[in-house]
PDB file of N, CA and C in Angstrom:
ATOM      1  N   MET A   1     251.428  53.771 146.533  1.00  0.00           N
ATOM      2  CA  MET A   1     251.017  52.145 147.244  1.00  0.00           C
ATOM      3  C   MET A   1     252.483  51.919 145.512  1.00  0.00           C
ATOM      4  N   ASN A   2     253.325  50.383 146.611  1.00  0.00           N
ATOM      5  CA  ASN A   2     254.329  50.189 145.759  1.00  0.00           C
ATOM      6  C   ASN A   2     253.810  48.526 144.840  1.00  0.00           C
ATOM      7  N   PRO A   3     253.495  48.571 143.669  1.00  0.00           N
ATOM      8  CA  PRO A   3     253.290  47.668 143.092  1.00  0.00           C
ATOM      9  C   PRO A   3     253.841  46.212 143.086  1.00  0.00           C
ATOM     10  N   PHE A   4     255.081  46.734 143.346  1.00  0.00           N
ATOM     11  CA  PHE A   4     256.356  45.444 143.424  1.00  0.00           C
ATOM     12  C   PHE A   4     256.114  44.759 144.040  1.00  0.00           C
ATOM     13  N   PRO A   5     256.085  43.286 143.838  1.00  0.00           N
ATOM     14  CA  PRO A   5     256.679  41.993 144.928  1.00  0.00           C
ATOM     15  C   PRO A   5     257.703  42.346 145.106  1.00  0.00           C
ATOM     16  N   THR A   6     258.245  41.886 146.841  1.00  0.00           N
ATOM     17  CA  THR A   6     259.610  41.628 147.570  1.00  0.00           C
ATOM     18  C   THR A   6     260.426  40.387 145.980  1.00  0.00           C
ATOM     19  N   ALA A   7     259.878  39.998 145.511  1.00  0.00           N
ATOM     20  CA  ALA A   7     260.821  39.324 144.603  1.00  0.00           C
ATOM     21  C   ALA A   7     259.751  38.681 142.949  1.00  0.00           C
ATOM     22  N   GLY A   8     260.737  39.432 142.227  1.00  0.00           N
ATOM     23  CA  GLY A   8     259.630  39.010 140.513  1.00  0.00           C
ATOM     24  C   GLY A   8     259.285  37.576 140.389  1.00  0.00           C
ATOM     25  N   CYS A   9     258.494  37.623 139.062  1.00  0.00           N
ATOM     26  CA  CYS A   9     257.414  36.118 138.509  1.00  0.00           C
ATOM     27  C   CYS A   9     257.272  36.812 137.149  1.00  0.00           C
ATOM     28  N   TYR A  10     258.843  37.260 136.687  1.00  0.00           N
ATOM     29  CA  TYR A  10     259.027  36.548 135.454  1.00  0.00           C
ATOM     30  C   TYR A  10     258.560  35.239 134.535  1.00  0.00           C
ATOM     31  N   PRO A  11     257.829  35.404 133.991  1.00  0.00           N
ATOM     32  CA  PRO A  11     257.138  35.896 133.031  1.00  0.00           C
ATOM     33  C   PRO A  11     255.880  36.602 132.966  1.00  0.00           C
ATOM     34  N   TYR A  12     255.526  36.182 133.825  1.00  0.00           N
ATOM     35  CA  TYR A  12     254.170  36.675 134.739  1.00  0.00           C
ATOM     36  C   TYR A  12     254.123  38.312 134.529  1.00  0.00           C
ATOM     37  N   ILE A  13     255.201  39.161 134.823  1.00  0.00           N
ATOM     38  CA  ILE A  13     254.698  40.896 134.791  1.00  0.00           C
ATOM     39  C   ILE A  13     255.914  40.614 133.934  1.00  0.00           C
ATOM     40  N   GLN A  14     256.086  42.025 133.139  1.00  0.00           N
ATOM     41  CA  GLN A  14     257.078  42.065 132.410  1.00  0.00           C
ATOM     42  C   GLN A  14     258.331  42.888 132.158  1.00  0.00           C
ATOM     43  N   PHE A  15     258.710  42.286 134.261  1.00  0.00           N
ATOM     44  CA  PHE A  15     260.128  42.914 133.364  1.00  0.00           C
ATOM     45  C   PHE A  15     261.105  41.618 134.276  1.00  0.00           C
ATOM     46  N   ALA A  16     262.205  42.246 134.026  1.00  0.00           N
ATOM     47  CA  ALA A  16     263.390  40.668 134.602  1.00  0.00           C
ATOM     48  C   ALA A  16     263.220  40.680 136.626  1.00  0.00           C
ATOM     49  N   ASN A  17     263.327  39.625 136.121  1.00  0.00           N
ATOM     50  CA  ASN A  17     262.980  38.896 138.424  1.00  0.00           C
ATOM     51  C   ASN A  17     264.425  39.997 139.060  1.00  0.00           C
ATOM     52  N   GLU A  18     265.884  40.352 137.935  1.00  0.00           N
ATOM     53  CA  GLU A  18     266.169  41.130 138.510  1.00  0.00           C
ATOM     54  C   GLU A  18     266.076  42.190 138.737  1.00  0.00           C
ATOM     55  N   ASP A  19     265.803  42.746 138.068  1.00  0.00           N
ATOM     56  CA  ASP A  19     265.003  44.540 137.844  1.00  0.00           C
ATOM     57  C   ASP A  19     264.036  44.799 139.242  1.00  0.00           C
ATOM     58  N   ILE A  20     263.160  43.411 139.797  1.00  0.00           N
ATOM     59  CA  ILE A  20     262.610  44.348 140.738  1.00  0.00           C
ATOM     60  C   ILE A  20     263.173  45.155 141.812  1.00  0.00           C
ATOM     61  N   PRO A  21     263.724  44.807 142.681  1.00  0.00           N
ATOM     62  CA  PRO A  21     264.516  45.850 143.881  1.00  0.00           C
ATOM     63  C   PRO A  21     265.109  47.327 143.166  1.00  0.00           C
ATOM     64  N   TRP A  22     265.267  47.177 142.104  1.00  0.00           N
ATOM     65  CA  TRP A  22     265.620  48.455 141.469  1.00  0.00           C
ATOM     66  C   TRP A  22     263.715  49.370 140.972  1.00  0.00           C
ATOM     67  N   LEU A  23     262.991  48.708 140.443  1.00  0.00           N
ATOM     68  CA  LEU A  23     261.516  49.638 140.637  1.00  0.00           C
ATOM     69  C   LEU A  23     261.033  49.664 141.933  1.00  0.00           C
ATOM     70  N   ARG A  24     260.971  48.888 142.871  1.00  0.00           N
ATOM     71  CA  ARG A  24     260.085  48.915 144.109  1.00  0.00           C
ATOM     72  C   ARG A  24     261.888  50.145 144.705  1.00  0.00           C
ATOM     73  N   ALA A  25     262.610  49.873 144.326  1.00  0.00           N
ATOM     74  CA  ALA A  25     263.375  51.415 145.008  1.00  0.00           C
ATOM     75  C   ALA A  25     263.181  52.600 144.736  1.00  0.00           C
ATOM     76  N   LYS A  26     262.900  52.780 143.466  1.00  0.00           N
ATOM     77  CA  LYS A  26     261.926  53.979 142.096  1.00  0.00           C
ATOM     78  C   LYS A  26     260.622  54.010 143.198  1.00  0.00           C
ATOM     79  N   VAL A  27     260.068  53.081 143.156  1.00  0.00           N
ATOM     80  CA  VAL A  27     258.732  53.564 143.560  1.00  0.00           C
ATOM     81  C   VAL A  27     258.663  54.372 145.369  1.00  0.00           C
ATOM     82  N   ASN A  28     259.817  54.019 145.749  1.00  0.00           N
ATOM     83  CA  ASN A  28     260.189  54.207 147.263  1.00  0.00           C
ATOM     84  C   ASN A  28     260.637  55.892 147.355  1.00  0.00           C
ATOM     85  N   GLU A  29     261.375  55.696 146.475  1.00  0.00           N
ATOM     86  CA  GLU A  29     262.047  57.244 145.879  1.00  0.00           C
ATOM     87  C   GLU A  29     260.922  58.168 145.459  1.00  0.00           C
ATOM     88  N   MET A  30     259.787  57.960 145.216  1.00  0.00           N
ATOM     89  CA  MET A  30     258.819  58.862 144.397  1.00  0.00           C
ATOM     90  C   MET A  30     258.146  58.932 145.415  1.00  0.00           C
ATOM     91  N   ASP A  31     257.630  57.867 146.818  1.00  0.00           N
ATOM     92  CA  ASP A  31     256.982  58.069 147.996  1.00  0.00           C
ATOM     93  C   ASP A  31     257.244  59.117 148.938  1.00  0.00           C
ATOM     94  N   ALA A  32     258.550  58.869 148.358  1.00  0.00           N
ATOM     95  CA  ALA A  32     259.396  60.188 149.991  1.00  0.00           C
ATOM     96  C   ALA A  32     259.671  61.447 149.107  1.00  0.00           C
ATOM     97  N   MET A  33     259.530  61.454 147.729  1.00  0.00           N
ATOM     98  CA  MET A  33     259.416  62.564 146.803  1.00  0.00           C
ATOM     99  C   MET A  33     258.010  63.411 147.868  1.00  0.00           C
ATOM    100  N   LEU A  34     257.086  63.031 147.416  1.00  0.00           N
ATOM    101  CA  LEU A  34     255.966  63.356 147.991  1.00  0.00           C
ATOM    102  C   LEU A  34     255.432  63.651 149.027  1.00  0.00           C
ATOM    103  N   ALA A  35     255.955  62.798 150.278  1.00  0.00           N
ATOM    104  CA  ALA A  35     255.726  62.882 151.249  1.00  0.00           C
ATOM    105  C   ALA A  35     256.817  64.046 151.527  1.00  0.00           C
ATOM    106  N   ARG A  36     258.030  64.604 150.949  1.00  0.00           N
ATOM    107  CA  ARG A  36     258.967  65.726 151.556  1.00  0.00           C
ATOM    108  C   ARG A  36     258.164  67.056 150.569  1.00  0.00           C
ATOM    109  N   VAL A  37     257.824  67.098 149.725  1.00  0.00           N
ATOM    110  CA  VAL A  37     256.721  68.809 149.561  1.00  0.00           C
ATOM    111  C   VAL A  37     255.375  68.248 150.174  1.00  0.00           C
ATOM    112  N   ALA A  38     254.759  67.477 150.062  1.00  0.00           N
ATOM    113  CA  ALA A  38     253.108  67.497 151.499  1.00  0.00           C
ATOM    114  C   ALA A  38     254.026  68.458 152.920  1.00  0.00           C
ATOM    115  N   ALA A  39     254.829  67.605 153.436  1.00  0.00           N
ATOM    116  CA  ALA A  39     255.543  68.556 154.492  1.00  0.00           C
ATOM    117  C   ALA A  39     256.021  69.950 154.578  1.00  0.00           C
ATOM    118  N   SER A  40     257.052  70.110 153.124  1.00  0.00           N
ATOM    119  CA  SER A  40     257.040  71.343 152.906  1.00  0.00           C
ATOM    120  C   SER A  40     256.056  72.368 152.477  1.00  0.00           C
ATOM    121  N   LYS A  41     254.663  72.393 151.899  1.00  0.00           N
ATOM    122  CA  LYS A  41     254.012  72.467 152.106  1.00  0.00           C
ATOM    123  C   LYS A  41     252.850  72.475 153.239  1.00  0.00           C
ATOM    124  N   HIS A  42     253.148  72.054 154.094  1.00  0.00           N
ATOM    125  CA  HIS A  42     252.624  71.929 155.004  1.00  0.00           C
ATOM    126  C   HIS A  42     250.968  71.279 155.289  1.00  0.00           C
ATOM    127  N   VAL A  43     251.239  70.393 153.851  1.00  0.00           N
ATOM    128  CA  VAL A  43     249.566  69.412 153.833  1.00  0.00           C
ATOM    129  C   VAL A  43     250.086  67.991 154.501  1.00  0.00           C
ATOM    130  N   GLY A  44     248.882  67.234 154.511  1.00  0.00           N
ATOM    131  CA  GLY A  44     248.813  65.614 155.181  1.00  0.00           C
ATOM    132  C   GLY A  44     248.838  64.975 154.441  1.00  0.00           C
ATOM    133  N   LEU A  45     249.461  63.584 154.276  1.00  0.00           N
ATOM    134  CA  LEU A  45     249.671  62.320 153.748  1.00  0.00           C
ATOM    135  C   LEU A  45     249.860  61.720 153.542  1.00  0.00           C
ATOM    136  N   LEU A  46     248.549  60.719 153.425  1.00  0.00           N
ATOM    137  CA  LEU A  46     248.045  59.468 153.486  1.00  0.00           C
ATOM    138  C   LEU A  46     248.868  58.397 152.988  1.00  0.00           C
ATOM    139  N   ASN A  47     249.183  57.262 154.228  1.00  0.00           N
ATOM    140  CA  ASN A  47     249.986  56.212 153.459  1.00  0.00           C
ATOM    141  C   ASN A  47     249.345  54.933 153.307  1.00  0.00           C
ATOM    142  N   THR A  48     249.061  54.945 151.663  1.00  0.00           N
ATOM    143  CA  THR A  48     247.876  53.584 151.528  1.00  0.00           C
ATOM    144  C   THR A  48     248.237  52.081 151.327  1.00  0.00           C
ATOM    145  N   ASN A  49     250.016  52.389 151.555  1.00  0.00           N
ATOM    146  CA  ASN A  49     250.714  50.721 151.431  1.00  0.00           C
ATOM    147  C   ASN A  49     250.651  50.036 152.535  1.00  0.00           C
ATOM    148  N   THR A  50     249.825  49.669 154.030  1.00  0.00           N
ATOM    149  CA  THR A  50     249.424  49.194 154.711  1.00  0.00           C
ATOM    150  C   THR A  50     248.172  48.606 153.877  1.00  0.00           C
ATOM    151  N   GLY A  51     248.857  47.301 153.840  1.00  0.00           N
ATOM    152  CA  GLY A  51     247.661  46.199 152.798  1.00  0.00           C
ATOM    153  C   GLY A  51     247.478  45.418 151.953  1.00  0.00           C
ATOM    154  N   MET A  52     248.857  46.457 151.307  1.00  0.00           N
ATOM    155  CA  MET A  52     249.483  45.846 150.136  1.00  0.00           C
ATOM    156  C   MET A  52     250.024  44.365 149.768  1.00  0.00           C
ATOM    157  N   THR A  53     250.437  43.978 150.800  1.00  0.00           N
ATOM    158  CA  THR A  53     250.765  42.474 150.334  1.00  0.00           C
ATOM    159  C   THR A  53     249.565  41.761 149.880  1.00  0.00           C
ATOM    160  N   GLY A  54     250.251  41.210 149.210  1.00  0.00           N
ATOM    161  CA  GLY A  54     249.660  39.533 148.570  1.00  0.00           C
ATOM    162  C   GLY A  54     248.210  40.612 147.426  1.00  0.00           C
ATOM    163  N   HIS A  55     248.709  41.865 147.453  1.00  0.00           N
ATOM    164  CA  HIS A  55     247.857  42.276 146.489  1.00  0.00           C
ATOM    165  C   HIS A  55     248.531  43.154 145.218  1.00  0.00           C
ATOM    166  N   ASP A  56     250.125  42.549 144.870  1.00  0.00           N
ATOM    167  CA  ASP A  56     250.832  43.447 143.864  1.00  0.00           C
ATOM    168  C   ASP A  56     251.107  42.384 142.917  1.00  0.00           C
ATOM    169  N   LEU A  57     251.900  42.965 142.066  1.00  0.00           N
ATOM    170  CA  LEU A  57     251.462  42.688 140.320  1.00  0.00           C
ATOM    171  C   LEU A  57     251.528  40.846 139.646  1.00  0.00           C
ATOM    172  N   CYS A  58     252.262  40.449 141.121  1.00  0.00           N
ATOM    173  CA  CYS A  58     252.594  39.500 140.816  1.00  0.00           C
ATOM    174  C   CYS A  58     251.472  38.044 140.857  1.00  0.00           C
ATOM    175  N   GLN A  59     250.271  38.850 141.491  1.00  0.00           N
ATOM    176  CA  GLN A  59     249.412  37.985 141.858  1.00  0.00           C
ATOM    177  C   GLN A  59     248.266  38.331 140.873  1.00  0.00           C
ATOM    178  N   LEU A  60     247.658  36.950 140.874  1.00  0.00           N
ATOM    179  CA  LEU A  60     246.207  37.200 140.131  1.00  0.00           C
ATOM    180  C   LEU A  60     245.203  38.647 139.817  1.00  0.00           C
ATOM    181  N   PRO A  61     244.605  38.548 138.672  1.00  0.00           N
ATOM    182  CA  PRO A  61     243.888  40.263 138.830  1.00  0.00           C
ATOM    183  C   PRO A  61     242.629  40.321 139.657  1.00  0.00           C
ATOM    184  N   THR A  62     241.935  39.441 139.894  1.00  0.00           N
ATOM    185  CA  THR A  62     241.839  39.447 141.094  1.00  0.00           C
ATOM    186  C   THR A  62     242.046  39.896 142.614  1.00  0.00           C
ATOM    187  N   ARG A  63     243.194  39.556 142.392  1.00  0.00           N
ATOM    188  CA  ARG A  63     243.830  40.374 144.072  1.00  0.00           C
ATOM    189  C   ARG A  63     244.903  41.196 143.793  1.00  0.00           C
ATOM    190  N   GLN A  64     245.041  41.483 142.380  1.00  0.00           N
ATOM    191  CA  GLN A  64     245.939  42.876 141.852  1.00  0.00           C
ATOM    192  C   GLN A  64     245.318  44.066 142.710  1.00  0.00           C
ATOM    193  N   TYR A  65     245.735  45.003 143.278  1.00  0.00           N
ATOM    194  CA  TYR A  65     245.573  46.223 143.950  1.00  0.00           C
ATOM    195  C   TYR A  65     246.467  47.163 142.611  1.00  0.00           C
ATOM    196  N   VAL A  66     246.862  46.691 141.669  1.00  0.00           N
ATOM    197  CA  VAL A  66     247.920  47.603 140.520  1.00  0.00           C
ATOM    198  C   VAL A  66     247.476  46.893 139.787  1.00  0.00           C
ATOM    199  N   THR A  67     247.774  47.704 138.327  1.00  0.00           N
ATOM    200  CA  THR A  67     247.869  46.320 137.274  1.00  0.00           C
ATOM    201  C   THR A  67     249.775  46.764 136.179  1.00  0.00           C
ATOM    202  N   ALA A  68     249.891  45.968 136.016  1.00  0.00           N
ATOM    203  CA  ALA A  68     250.935  45.430 135.132  1.00  0.00           C
ATOM    204  C   ALA A  68     250.986  46.650 134.469  1.00  0.00           C
ATOM    205  N   VAL A  69     252.825  46.484 133.503  1.00  0.00           N
ATOM    206  CA  VAL A  69     252.625  46.642 132.065  1.00  0.00           C
ATOM    207  C   VAL A  69     251.424  47.192 131.215  1.00  0.00           C
ATOM    208  N   LEU A  70     251.434  45.597 131.302  1.00  0.00           N
ATOM    209  CA  LEU A  70     250.089  44.786 130.328  1.00  0.00           C
ATOM    210  C   LEU A  70     249.080  44.133 130.995  1.00  0.00           C
ATOM    211  N   PRO A  71     248.245  45.009 130.842  1.00  0.00           N
ATOM    212  CA  PRO A  71     247.088  44.201 131.866  1.00  0.00           C
ATOM    213  C   PRO A  71     246.550  43.338 131.548  1.00  0.00           C
ATOM    214  N   LEU A  72     246.005  42.079 132.175  1.00  0.00           N
ATOM    215  CA  LEU A  72     245.596  41.226 132.210  1.00  0.00           C
ATOM    216  C   LEU A  72     244.070  40.861 131.833  1.00  0.00           C
ATOM    217  N   SER A  73     243.933  42.505 131.136  1.00  0.00           N
ATOM    218  CA  SER A  73     242.457  42.348 131.165  1.00  0.00           C
ATOM    219  C   SER A  73     242.517  43.560 129.415  1.00  0.00           C
ATOM    220  N   SER A  74     241.643  43.295 128.860  1.00  0.00           N
ATOM    221  CA  SER A  74     240.971  44.077 127.549  1.00  0.00           C
ATOM    222  C   SER A  74     240.613  44.912 127.390  1.00  0.00           C
ATOM    223  N   ASP A  75     239.419  45.105 128.918  1.00  0.00           N
ATOM    224  CA  ASP A  75     238.763  46.202 128.920  1.00  0.00           C
ATOM    225  C   ASP A  75     239.767  47.325 129.561  1.00  0.00           C
ATOM    226  N   PRO A  76     240.119  48.485 128.774  1.00  0.00           N
ATOM    227  CA  PRO A  76     240.922  49.430 128.703  1.00  0.00           C
ATOM    228  C   PRO A  76     240.430  50.583 130.067  1.00  0.00           C
ATOM    229  N   LEU A  77     239.032  50.296 130.305  1.00  0.00           N
ATOM    230  CA  LEU A  77     238.039  51.168 131.430  1.00  0.00           C
ATOM    231  C   LEU A  77     238.386  50.419 133.103  1.00  0.00           C
ATOM    232  N   ILE A  78     239.198  49.264 132.515  1.00  0.00           N
ATOM    233  CA  ILE A  78     238.999  48.638 133.990  1.00  0.00           C
ATOM    234  C   ILE A  78     240.738  47.919 133.841  1.00  0.00           C
ATOM    235  N   ALA A  79     242.010  48.635 133.368  1.00  0.00           N
ATOM    236  CA  ALA A  79     242.649  48.322 133.325  1.00  0.00           C
ATOM    237  C   ALA A  79     243.768  48.625 132.670  1.00  0.00           C
ATOM    238  N   VAL A  80     244.633  50.055 133.079  1.00  0.00           N
ATOM    239  CA  VAL A  80     245.448  50.736 132.675  1.00  0.00           C
ATOM    240  C   VAL A  80     246.330  50.721 133.369  1.00  0.00           C
ATOM    241  N   PRO A  81     247.200  50.698 132.633  1.00  0.00           N
ATOM    242  CA  PRO A  81     248.953  50.206 133.559  1.00  0.00           C
ATOM    243  C   PRO A  81     249.011  51.257 134.785  1.00  0.00           C
ATOM    244  N   PHE A  82     249.838  50.635 135.522  1.00  0.00           N
ATOM    245  CA  PHE A  82     249.782  51.324 136.583  1.00  0.00           C
ATOM    246  C   PHE A  82     249.163  51.933 137.427  1.00  0.00           C
ATOM    247  N   HIS A  83     248.035  51.702 137.684  1.00  0.00           N
ATOM    248  CA  HIS A  83     247.050  52.531 138.217  1.00  0.00           C
ATOM    249  C   HIS A  83     246.049  51.132 138.780  1.00  0.00           C
ATOM    250  N   PRO A  84     245.789  52.265 140.128  1.00  0.00           N
ATOM    251  CA  PRO A  84     245.001  50.658 140.294  1.00  0.00           C
ATOM    252  C   PRO A  84     243.660  50.446 140.009  1.00  0.00           C
ATOM    253  N   THR A  85     243.500  49.489 140.393  1.00  0.00           N
ATOM    254  CA  THR A  85     242.455  48.537 139.986  1.00  0.00           C
ATOM    255  C   THR A  85     241.169  48.515 140.997  1.00  0.00           C
ATOM    256  N   GLN A  86     240.086  48.026 140.566  1.00  0.00           N
ATOM    257  CA  GLN A  86     239.066  48.349 140.871  1.00  0.00           C
ATOM    258  C   GLN A  86     238.965  48.125 142.361  1.00  0.00           C
ATOM    259  N   LEU A  87     239.934  46.835 143.368  1.00  0.00           N
ATOM    260  CA  LEU A  87     240.280  46.218 144.538  1.00  0.00           C
ATOM    261  C   LEU A  87     241.229  46.848 145.025  1.00  0.00           C
ATOM    262  N   GLY A  88     242.080  47.821 144.793  1.00  0.00           N
ATOM    263  CA  GLY A  88     243.524  48.918 144.636  1.00  0.00           C
ATOM    264  C   GLY A  88     242.481  50.488 145.487  1.00  0.00           C
ATOM    265  N   ALA A  89     241.560  50.795 144.496  1.00  0.00           N
ATOM    266  CA  ALA A  89     240.914  51.924 144.162  1.00  0.00           C
ATOM    267  C   ALA A  89     239.780  51.780 145.988  1.00  0.00           C
ATOM    268  N   ASN A  90     239.417  50.336 145.790  1.00  0.00           N
ATOM    269  CA  ASN A  90     238.455  50.447 147.477  1.00  0.00           C
ATOM    270  C   ASN A  90     239.426  50.311 148.180  1.00  0.00           C
ATOM    271  N   HIS A  91     240.779  50.281 148.363  1.00  0.00           N
ATOM    272  CA  HIS A  91     241.829  49.689 148.910  1.00  0.00           C
ATOM    273  C   HIS A  91     241.907  50.730 150.235  1.00  0.00           C
ATOM    274  N   GLN A  92     242.233  51.791 148.918  1.00  0.00           N
ATOM    275  CA  GLN A  92     242.693  53.430 149.485  1.00  0.00           C
ATOM    276  C   GLN A  92     241.244  54.168 149.644  1.00  0.00           C
ATOM    277  N   ALA A  93     240.486  53.927 149.242  1.00  0.00           N
ATOM    278  CA  ALA A  93     239.570  54.678 149.964  1.00  0.00           C
ATOM    279  C   ALA A  93     238.833  54.367 151.485  1.00  0.00           C
ATOM    280  N   ALA A  94     238.919  53.046 151.502  1.00  0.00           N
ATOM    281  CA  ALA A  94     238.696  52.132 152.575  1.00  0.00           C
ATOM    282  C   ALA A  94     239.708  52.554 153.980  1.00  0.00           C
ATOM    283  N   THR A  95     241.062  53.133 153.905  1.00  0.00           N
ATOM    284  CA  THR A  95     242.088  53.450 153.990  1.00  0.00           C
ATOM    285  C   THR A  95     241.869  54.809 154.546  1.00  0.00           C
ATOM    286  N   ILE A  96     241.703  55.487 153.765  1.00  0.00           N
ATOM    287  CA  ILE A  96     241.100  56.916 153.463  1.00  0.00           C
ATOM    288  C   ILE A  96     240.226  57.827 154.765  1.00  0.00           C
ATOM    289  N   VAL A  97     239.100  57.005 154.538  1.00  0.00           N
ATOM    290  CA  VAL A  97     237.735  57.339 154.772  1.00  0.00           C
ATOM    291  C   VAL A  97     238.311  56.380 156.165  1.00  0.00           C
ATOM    292  N   ALA A  98     238.856  55.555 157.053  1.00  0.00           N
ATOM    293  CA  ALA A  98     239.364  55.337 157.951  1.00  0.00           C
ATOM    294  C   ALA A  98     240.337  56.007 158.672  1.00  0.00           C
ATOM    295  N   ALA A  99     241.102  57.122 157.853  1.00  0.00           N
ATOM    296  CA  ALA A  99     242.383  58.171 158.647  1.00  0.00           C
ATOM    297  C   ALA A  99     241.196  59.157 159.156  1.00  0.00           C
ATOM    298  N   LEU A 100     239.886  59.478 158.406  1.00  0.00           N
ATOM    299  CA  LEU A 100     239.167  60.528 159.078  1.00  0.00           C
ATOM    300  C   LEU A 100     238.187  60.357 159.988  1.00  0.00           C
ATOM    301  N   GLY A 101     238.097  59.316 160.264  1.00  0.00           N
ATOM    302  CA  GLY A 101     237.019  58.357 161.023  1.00  0.00           C
ATOM    303  C   GLY A 101     236.123  57.916 160.997  1.00  0.00           C
ATOM    304  N   GLY A 102     235.586  56.941 159.622  1.00  0.00           N
ATOM    305  CA  GLY A 102     234.308  57.410 159.082  1.00  0.00           C
ATOM    306  C   GLY A 102     234.505  55.775 159.289  1.00  0.00           C
TER     307      GLY A 102
END
């Protein structure tokens, strides 16, 4: 999941707007590396990025699929930096279940 929007929203997230393209590129590089490793090991890899639009780090916590560096929640059990929120985990699970034909 690429949690970064296509444009920045500083100071809402803790990155300069000019850094967003670089950060998006790094997440895309990581995704590409995971795809290469999966292919080299002959295992499947499901892309759960579909449906991320409108759920990036610039959204309110009630719409985010991934938290920012400094989450907007004080509960560490539900707000771990750069990890899926409950909405994000639900999205990932639904994508996996759908891919499995469920």
